[in-house]
Every structure is written in C-alpha cells, then in structure tokens.
Amino acid sequence: MATSRPFTLTHVALATLASTATAQAADDAATPLPTVSISAPREGNRAELTGFGDIPLTRSPLQARVIGEVQLQDAGAQNLRALTRLDASVSDAYNSVGYWDSLTVRGYVLDQRYNYRRDGLPINAETAIALDNKSRIELLKGTSGIQAGTSAPGGLANLVVKRPDVEVRSATLAWRGANSVLGAVDLGTRFGDNRAFGVRVNAAVEHLDPELRAAKGKRHLFALAGDWRPMPGTLIEAEVETSRRSQPSQPAFSLLGDRVPSANRIDPRINLNNQPWSQPVVLEGQTASLRLTQRLNADWSAQAHYGTQRLHTDDRLAFPYGCDAEGNYDRYCSDGSFDLYDFRSENERRVTNALDLSLQGRFATAGFEHQLTTGVLFTRFKARLEQQIYTYAGVGSIDGSAVTPPGPADLSDNTDRTERNTELYLRDVIQLTPALSTWLGLRHTRLHRDTLTTSGTEATGYGQNVTTPWIALNYEWQPGLMSYVSWGQGIESQVVPNRPLSYSNPGQALPALKSRQLEVGLKGRTEQLNWNLTAFDIDRPVYARIGAVVPSPLQRDGSARHRGLEAGVEARTGAWTWAASAMLLHAERTDSADPAVDGQRPPNVPERVFKLQTDYAVAGLAGLAGLSLQGGIVAESDRTLLPNDGATRIPGWARVDLGARYAQKIDTRTLVWRIGVDNVLDRRAWQESPYQFEHAYLYPMAPRTWRVSLSADL
C-alpha cells in the first residue's frame, strides 16, 4: 500500500495563527506612528455566493472568482465550460459538444445536481445553461458546507441573472465555427414615478454548426426580468426564463488496447455519433423566481427568495463502449474498433423548488462588531424518468466510417428520485480589532432521499441530520495586505448508478459523505493590482466497488485527498490589463483496500495548470481609440486515464487564443466589433481523459475556430 507524502499545511496554519497573535500583541504595545495619507486600494469584486454580504473578495478569507459579462463576451463564452480557459482551478470533466457542461474545481468534479446556483438558489445543471441573460458567473473554490447543504468539495458556481438596473437597448449578431449564426437582443429600462418599475428582456436564437461534424442543431432562449420599488427600502423582483437546445452530442475516443493513440493522427472534427439513426439530445428548461428584499432599518434587512426549475430531456446517443472482441470493457479495441450501443432515455423530467428566508444585519456586543446572516432554505427535488433503451448496435470505428443498424428497442429500468432538504444556517463576521476578525459559519441540514425504479421495484430511502461548521481567522497586516486560515466541512449525498450488471445495490442512496478542508491564504491589493496565494488540503471520502466479483456493492474505500497551491494576479499597467492564475495540485487516493488504486492520482486531474488573459488598449492611432487587442494562454500538464494505472497518461498541452474588440462611435450610438480565433496554432492534443461509467475516454482539443460578432445600440 502506498504511503502518503508528509503534509505540512497544518504547520503553516499554526504558524499563521501564531504570527497573527504575535502581530496583534505587537500592535497593542507599539508606539503610535504619525498619520500617513495614502490612496485607497481598489476593493475588487463582491460575490453573493460566499454568503457574507457586501464584503469584497479581496478582504474575505476564502477563494472566489467573479467573471463579468464583458470578459465572457471577449472570450466568446457560450456556456459554463468557458470557465476552463479563465481560471487555473477549473478544468474539463467529460465536456461533450451537444451535452451539458461538466467542470472540475481543485481536481473534484462538480455535482450537476448540487454544486450549481442561480442567483444563490439551488438549481439542477443536468441541462444546457445559456449565458445570454446572465450578468456574471461567480465561482467559489473549495468545500461549501456553509453555503450548500450537499455539494461536492471542489466548489460552487453561481449564475447571476441580468436585472433592469441599467438602461440598455442592444442587438448582437455573431458567427463562429463552421457556420453557427446567433442573433440576440438585450432590452432594459426603468419607468414610472421615481423610476419605480424596471423590466429587462433577453432573447436569442442560434443555428448551431460547430467545427465538429454531424453536430448541427439549434437553440433559443427568452428571458424576462422585472422589479418594483413601491417604497424606500422595499424591492420586489421577478424573472422567468425558457430555453431549448437540440443538437447531437459528441462521444469520446479512448485507449486502443494498451496504447494511447496519438492525437496528431485523430481528426478532432470526427463525431462518432454519426449513425443514420443518431438523434439529437434535446435539453429544455423553464426557470422562474420571485424575491422580496425589505430593509428593516439602517442595519438590518430581510429577504424571501423562491425559485422553481422545470427540465425536460431527451438523451439519445450512438454510444461507444468497450471491446468485447478483446475482453476489454474499459477501452476500445487495439485496431480502432469498438462496441456501439443504441442509447435512448426520453422524456426525462426534473423539478427543483427552493425557498430561502434570511435575515442579515450588523450589531455590536461586548465591544465586538458583528455582521450576521441567518436563515433557512427549503429544497425539493424530484426526477421522473421513463424506461430507457441501451442495446447493442454493432461495431463502430474511430475513423467514423462504420455504419450499423439501430439496436433493438428492448427497455430497461431507470431510477426515479425524490429529495427533500431543510437547511438552517448561521454566518457571523466578528471584528475583534481593527485588523483581526473571526469568520464563523454553521449549517444544519436535514435531508431525506427516496429512490424507486421505473418498474416500481427496489425502493430505497433514508434520512439524516448533518451539521457542517466553518471557521476562519483573518488578519489585515496593513491596508491592502491580509492573511487568513480557515477550516471547514462539506457533505454529499449519492445514489449508486442504476447498473445492476455492475453493482449489487443499484439505485441505492448512500449515506452522506463528509469532506474536510484546511486552507491558508495571503491576499494583496493596490490601485493597480490584486493578487492572492493559497494553500489547501481537502480530504473527501470515496465509495467504490471492491473486489473482482461482479456485481458487488458500492462501499466506502478510503479517501481522495487533494493538496495544492493556487496563485492569481489581476493587474493594470498602462494600456495593459493582465489576469493570470496557476495551480499546483497533488491529488491521490489514500487508504484504499485495492493496492492497485491506493496512492494513485485520479484520472483526468492535471498536476500543473497555468492560464493567462491579456488586453492591450491601443492608443495614439487615429480612429482606433476604441481598439483592444487580446490574447490568452491555457496550459495543462499530463493526465492519467485509469484509476489503477498511473503510468498510462496523455501528455500535457498548451493553447494560444487571440482576439480583438473595437468600440466604434457613430453619432450617439456605439458599435462593438469582436473577432477571435481559438487554438490559433491549430494544435492537436487530447484535452481531457475522463474516466466515466468505468470506461476511459479521450476528448480531443477543438480545432482552430474563428468567431466574429457585432453588438449595436438600438
């Protein structure tokens, strides 16, 4: 059994605590110094996802990132996977064209059902999430036990909806890829006495034709947001969104026998889901919310926030899986062939309802200032599926040339789920001295899970009460420089995959899994610069199938421990704007009963990641005062493919993206032109290596892709 390397983050944390206490004592005893006038440093963004009100991220003892609308537009972002090019902590996790986006943060895959928020309320991300009506994306890194009742330990993503807080009338026309064409409008205004009413409309229609072949589709979105301010201190907000995307999805490549195929010999435009009987994946969603915010006095406010989400999915795919001819079921055949299955799971329905009641305010007691948030969150989720088709359809080939008949329409069971959560939470920031503060959080979750097969058999259910604490100590050494140490927990709730051939307990809900995180950080800010340096240690319980007997139960098998360093810089120097981030990550399985797995790095987790975005504002050239030139670099180290074989890997890669933005004034109107090219060098590489459904997969980097857009004031 492999032995974990000694970890010293605990010693760093203790040293931070000791130095903080020493510094505080020294401050108390020091002779007062003369007053010096300095300019106030730039505070930076705020993220409602953190749960600590309006405290800037640069002064918060946690790591989070806010990516605004302009940055998303400059990056040509259409979906959540765009985060993988903007932050080093975020990477791909089985990201298929035509399917929903899947991300890892700090090496852990975010759970589509529990790790995503919309205006702070839980949503299900097992759907296509459009960004046309989103003003920004907030990303919290690490365990989130005080922000979410159940969630994977990597972090949380929050999508913030556009509201009628600005006057806007714009239209956008965009082209990208082989021949994708988008038309969108964004209209917002305020009216009435004292501009008490506001309304904002977003609409988008797109013909989808990416560089990937056999992947043409279409999508549309319509969103309406309004608010009413009937009296000072009262705000009523309502919004609704409906969207639909229909597009064939993209299966992955894989190992060919015992070898990793060369990405240089694979055409990344090949879609293995190209059978005559292939059908598109249809992802429909309707979401609505109502929020009342009431200021009670100068220090206290209350809020009631209700949200509902209705999803409908037709999940269909010509699905490559394994090689029966060679007795390998976690890879393709050595000659490039594979077993092909006809998968159809239609009329999947998922419903999420959430109600959050909260109270937030400030007070002082015993000489200490408090900033308190408390509340209760009620969440109800249900998934109602029909029986699915998953039948053998013949032998395919990685060159995409094989044609097979569809599989027989034999039905097999799916699993319906019903979940109920009640979460009580309390968060408090205690200002002990002008420089020293303690941050406390506590969340008590009462959960209940039920599952039932679509044929009405194998019913399972359990309830559990779990409390997750979080504590941090924050010390500001001088204006613009702070250090912190934090410790917290998070919980997860899982269901055994509904695959009776693999598991002897299919569809069964597992007990809640409790993760633990220790984090130490240093942050700095000036007028021109924001930077941060973080060390973290996360330990997450793992459930796995143990032994060679199939089927066998899914049970506890050690932990997945991820220890790493993160660094981030945002700077402005003259005409240049820089945003760079890097992560060093040591991830390994520990205490596994399987010696082949113990000590291994998890599949699809790079150890080193670097990402850079730059913007140069051109000045001094006649007629080009509104021109900005942009560039980006994404570099990731190698990844493993199998949980029990660290030697089989895909090599690391680097990609260069270029772009330009030109804001052109015509009378009182503004035209914003954007042009960009992703993967400008047309690099071929395996971008990710997810291990999904007990099978190793390989997704190629997308080929060179051009994009052009024009946004105009109306």
Foldseek 3Di string as FASTA:
>chain_A
DDDDDDDCVVVVAVVVVVVQVVLVVCVVPDDDDDDDDDDAFDQADDDCLLVQPGRGPLFDAFDKDKFFDVNCVQLVHWADQSVCQFFFQKAAFPQKPQFFGWIFGLQHTKQQQWQEEEQLHGDRRRFTDGCQFFGIKMWTAAADVQSTVAIDGGTHIYTYGDAQPDAFWKWKWKAKAPGKIKIKIWGKDFDDVVSFKIKIKIKMKMFDDHLAPQWTWIKIKIKMKMWGDPDPQKIKIKMKMKMKIWTAIAEFAWAAVPADDDLVPADLNYGLQRAPPFGTKMKIKMKMKIKMKGAPDPWKIKMKIKMKMKIFIWDWTFYFFADVPVPTGFHAHNVFKTWTKTKIWHGKMKMKIKMKIKMWGWDDDPRKIKTKMWTKMKMKMKIDTAWMGIFTFGMDGSVSPDYTDHGDRDTDKDKIKIKIKMKIKMWMWIPPDPFKIKIKIKMKMWMKMWMAINVGDLIEIDIDIDMKIKMKMKGASDNFKIKMKMKIKHKHKDFADQDQQAAVNHRYIDPIKMKMKIKIKIWGTRRFKTKMKMKMKMKTWAWAFDDDDTHYHTGTFATKIKIKMKMWMWGDDPQKTKTKMKMAIDIAGDRGPDPLQHGAHDFFGFRIKIKMKMKGQDPDDPPQNQKIKIKMKIWTAKGAFANRDNVHIWGIDMAMKIKMWGWHDDPPKTKIKIKIKTRVVQDWGFSTWHCPPNHTGTNIDDGIMIMIMMMIGD
